[in-house]
Amino acid sequence: MNFIVQEKKIFTLISLPKILDSSVSVPLKKKLDELIADGVKNIIFDLNLSEYCDSSGLSAILKGNRLSNNVGGVCLLVNVCEVIEKLITISQLAEVLKIRTDLDKAEDFILRSFVN
């Protein structure tokens, strides 16, 4: 597995590798299914190390977003580099994917939105 999953109190953090392609997206999609089946609602993708993303990598992120939304949670991206942010914009997904500058801002968003 080329990514790291850390379960936190109110979200699951998935740290993604330098290159997001099919070698990452296939096992990531499987892991996302498992996480949602285990009751995870809120997912944060940390792209701190990520420098490149192709369509399969973007597809895995979109799957995480869809699965989270389907169970009443939220999916956020943090530490997104300019190249990947541009891909998201060009793909017309800037309105679909929620991006925060860092983990603290993402956690604060979840706290304000989903925790009573």
C-alpha atoms as a PDB file:
ATOM      1  CA  MET A   1       0.000   0.000   0.000  1.00  0.00           C
ATOM      2  CA  ASN A   2       1.376   3.376  -0.980  1.00  0.00           C
ATOM      3  CA  PHE A   3      -0.779   5.387   1.401  1.00  0.00           C
ATOM      4  CA  ILE A   4      -1.137   5.616   5.178  1.00  0.00           C
ATOM      5  CA  VAL A   5      -4.471   5.417   6.995  1.00  0.00           C
ATOM      6  CA  GLN A   6      -4.806   6.888  10.487  1.00  0.00           C
ATOM      7  CA  GLU A   7      -8.069   6.718  12.364  1.00  0.00           C
ATOM      8  CA  LYS A   8      -8.684   9.842  14.409  1.00  0.00           C
ATOM      9  CA  LYS A   9     -11.550  10.638  16.750  1.00  0.00           C
ATOM     10  CA  ILE A  10     -13.865  12.364  14.252  1.00  0.00           C
ATOM     11  CA  PHE A  11     -12.255  11.523  10.914  1.00  0.00           C
ATOM     12  CA  THR A  12      -9.937   9.154   9.123  1.00  0.00           C
ATOM     13  CA  LEU A  13      -6.760  10.660   7.707  1.00  0.00           C
ATOM     14  CA  ILE A  14      -5.370   9.168   4.518  1.00  0.00           C
ATOM     15  CA  SER A  15      -1.885  10.394   3.641  1.00  0.00           C
ATOM     16  CA  LEU A  16      -1.267   9.972  -0.065  1.00  0.00           C
ATOM     17  CA  PRO A  17       2.083   9.376  -1.810  1.00  0.00           C
ATOM     18  CA  LYS A  18       4.062  11.484  -4.258  1.00  0.00           C
ATOM     19  CA  ILE A  19       2.376  10.002  -7.346  1.00  0.00           C
ATOM     20  CA  LEU A  20      -1.366   9.284  -7.445  1.00  0.00           C
ATOM     21  CA  ASP A  21      -1.926   6.855 -10.272  1.00  0.00           C
ATOM     22  CA  SER A  22      -3.492   3.426 -10.778  1.00  0.00           C
ATOM     23  CA  SER A  23      -0.891   1.760  -8.558  1.00  0.00           C
ATOM     24  CA  VAL A  24      -2.378   3.773  -5.685  1.00  0.00           C
ATOM     25  CA  SER A  25      -5.982   4.205  -6.779  1.00  0.00           C
ATOM     26  CA  VAL A  26      -6.883   0.513  -7.029  1.00  0.00           C
ATOM     27  CA  PRO A  27      -5.920  -0.400  -3.432  1.00  0.00           C
ATOM     28  CA  LEU A  28      -7.167   2.989  -2.195  1.00  0.00           C
ATOM     29  CA  LYS A  29     -10.642   2.427  -3.630  1.00  0.00           C
ATOM     30  CA  LYS A  30     -10.774  -0.979  -1.945  1.00  0.00           C
ATOM     31  CA  LYS A  31      -9.667   0.550   1.369  1.00  0.00           C
ATOM     32  CA  LEU A  32     -12.297   3.283   1.073  1.00  0.00           C
ATOM     33  CA  ASP A  33     -15.010   0.622   0.704  1.00  0.00           C
ATOM     34  CA  GLU A  34     -13.688  -1.099   3.831  1.00  0.00           C
ATOM     35  CA  LEU A  35     -13.554   2.129   5.842  1.00  0.00           C
ATOM     36  CA  ILE A  36     -17.127   3.092   4.990  1.00  0.00           C
ATOM     37  CA  ALA A  37     -18.322  -0.453   5.766  1.00  0.00           C
ATOM     38  CA  ASP A  38     -16.616  -0.099   9.158  1.00  0.00           C
ATOM     39  CA  GLY A  39     -18.568   3.090   9.909  1.00  0.00           C
ATOM     40  CA  VAL A  40     -16.163   5.842   8.844  1.00  0.00           C
ATOM     41  CA  LYS A  41     -18.013   8.976   7.719  1.00  0.00           C
ATOM     42  CA  ASN A  42     -15.431  11.760   7.552  1.00  0.00           C
ATOM     43  CA  ILE A  43     -12.301  11.380   5.423  1.00  0.00           C
ATOM     44  CA  ILE A  44      -9.406  13.768   5.023  1.00  0.00           C
ATOM     45  CA  PHE A  45      -6.945  13.152   2.200  1.00  0.00           C
ATOM     46  CA  ASP A  46      -3.546  14.666   2.999  1.00  0.00           C
ATOM     47  CA  LEU A  47      -1.706  15.456  -0.229  1.00  0.00           C
ATOM     48  CA  ASN A  48       1.332  16.944   1.476  1.00  0.00           C
ATOM     49  CA  LEU A  49       3.702  14.603  -0.380  1.00  0.00           C
ATOM     50  CA  SER A  50       1.697  14.423  -3.608  1.00  0.00           C
ATOM     51  CA  GLU A  51       3.141  16.106  -6.687  1.00  0.00           C
ATOM     52  CA  TYR A  52       1.276  14.338  -9.489  1.00  0.00           C
ATOM     53  CA  CYS A  53      -2.222  12.947  -9.965  1.00  0.00           C
ATOM     54  CA  ASP A  54      -3.671  11.273 -13.026  1.00  0.00           C
ATOM     55  CA  SER A  55      -7.310  10.461 -13.785  1.00  0.00           C
ATOM     56  CA  SER A  56      -7.242   7.217 -11.797  1.00  0.00           C
ATOM     57  CA  GLY A  57      -5.905   9.016  -8.727  1.00  0.00           C
ATOM     58  CA  LEU A  58      -8.566  11.683  -9.083  1.00  0.00           C
ATOM     59  CA  SER A  59     -11.163   8.944  -9.472  1.00  0.00           C
ATOM     60  CA  ALA A  60     -10.154   7.418  -6.113  1.00  0.00           C
ATOM     61  CA  ILE A  61     -10.453  10.812  -4.406  1.00  0.00           C
ATOM     62  CA  LEU A  62     -13.880  11.294  -5.979  1.00  0.00           C
ATOM     63  CA  LYS A  63     -14.943   7.869  -4.741  1.00  0.00           C
ATOM     64  CA  GLY A  64     -13.947   8.832  -1.208  1.00  0.00           C
ATOM     65  CA  ASN A  65     -15.956  12.031  -1.583  1.00  0.00           C
ATOM     66  CA  ARG A  66     -19.021  10.178  -2.861  1.00  0.00           C
ATOM     67  CA  LEU A  67     -18.879   7.459  -0.210  1.00  0.00           C
ATOM     68  CA  SER A  68     -18.501  10.008   2.602  1.00  0.00           C
ATOM     69  CA  ASN A  69     -21.379  12.083   1.308  1.00  0.00           C
ATOM     70  CA  ASN A  70     -23.576   8.990   0.959  1.00  0.00           C
ATOM     71  CA  VAL A  71     -23.241   8.237   4.689  1.00  0.00           C
ATOM     72  CA  GLY A  72     -23.752  11.839   5.803  1.00  0.00           C
ATOM     73  CA  GLY A  73     -20.093  12.675   6.237  1.00  0.00           C
ATOM     74  CA  VAL A  74     -17.595  14.880   4.497  1.00  0.00           C
ATOM     75  CA  CYS A  75     -14.434  14.379   2.491  1.00  0.00           C
ATOM     76  CA  LEU A  76     -11.753  17.060   2.539  1.00  0.00           C
ATOM     77  CA  LEU A  77      -8.412  17.516   0.802  1.00  0.00           C
ATOM     78  CA  VAL A  78      -5.533  19.258   2.554  1.00  0.00           C
ATOM     79  CA  ASN A  79      -2.066  20.400   1.516  1.00  0.00           C
ATOM     80  CA  VAL A  80      -2.922  20.324  -2.179  1.00  0.00           C
ATOM     81  CA  CYS A  81      -0.087  21.431  -4.452  1.00  0.00           C
ATOM     82  CA  GLU A  82      -0.665  23.878  -7.285  1.00  0.00           C
ATOM     83  CA  VAL A  83      -0.398  21.203 -10.003  1.00  0.00           C
ATOM     84  CA  ILE A  84      -3.103  19.010  -8.474  1.00  0.00           C
ATOM     85  CA  GLU A  85      -5.300  21.981  -7.625  1.00  0.00           C
ATOM     86  CA  LYS A  86      -5.079  23.024 -11.283  1.00  0.00           C
ATOM     87  CA  LEU A  87      -6.126  19.497 -12.355  1.00  0.00           C
ATOM     88  CA  ILE A  88      -9.145  19.741 -10.049  1.00  0.00           C
ATOM     89  CA  THR A  89     -10.065  23.120 -11.525  1.00  0.00           C
ATOM     90  CA  ILE A  90      -9.583  21.995 -15.144  1.00  0.00           C
ATOM     91  CA  SER A  91     -11.692  18.908 -14.433  1.00  0.00           C
ATOM     92  CA  GLN A  92     -14.432  21.230 -13.154  1.00  0.00           C
ATOM     93  CA  LEU A  93     -14.372  19.559  -9.748  1.00  0.00           C
ATOM     94  CA  ALA A  94     -13.539  22.620  -7.651  1.00  0.00           C
ATOM     95  CA  GLU A  95     -17.210  22.862  -6.636  1.00  0.00           C
ATOM     96  CA  VAL A  96     -17.384  19.148  -5.806  1.00  0.00           C
ATOM     97  CA  LEU A  97     -14.194  18.620  -3.788  1.00  0.00           C
ATOM     98  CA  LYS A  98     -13.659  20.528  -0.557  1.00  0.00           C
ATOM     99  CA  ILE A  99     -10.095  21.788  -0.146  1.00  0.00           C
ATOM    100  CA  ARG A 100      -8.606  23.248   3.020  1.00  0.00           C
ATOM    101  CA  THR A 101      -5.074  24.593   3.342  1.00  0.00           C
ATOM    102  CA  ASP A 102      -4.062  22.360   6.242  1.00  0.00           C
ATOM    103  CA  LEU A 103      -5.200  19.659   8.630  1.00  0.00           C
ATOM    104  CA  ASP A 104      -6.168  22.080  11.417  1.00  0.00           C
ATOM    105  CA  LYS A 105      -8.569  23.936   9.126  1.00  0.00           C
ATOM    106  CA  ALA A 106     -10.062  20.666   7.880  1.00  0.00           C
ATOM    107  CA  GLU A 107     -10.560  19.346  11.406  1.00  0.00           C
ATOM    108  CA  ASP A 108     -12.154  22.657  12.428  1.00  0.00           C
ATOM    109  CA  PHE A 109     -14.538  22.419   9.453  1.00  0.00           C
ATOM    110  CA  ILE A 110     -15.614  18.933  10.521  1.00  0.00           C
ATOM    111  CA  LEU A 111     -16.044  20.007  14.140  1.00  0.00           C
ATOM    112  CA  ARG A 112     -18.199  22.978  13.180  1.00  0.00           C
ATOM    113  CA  SER A 113     -20.242  21.013  10.654  1.00  0.00           C
ATOM    114  CA  PHE A 114     -20.786  17.568  12.074  1.00  0.00           C
ATOM    115  CA  VAL A 115     -20.097  17.349  15.786  1.00  0.00           C
ATOM    116  CA  ASN A 116     -22.776  18.548  18.186  1.00  0.00           C
END
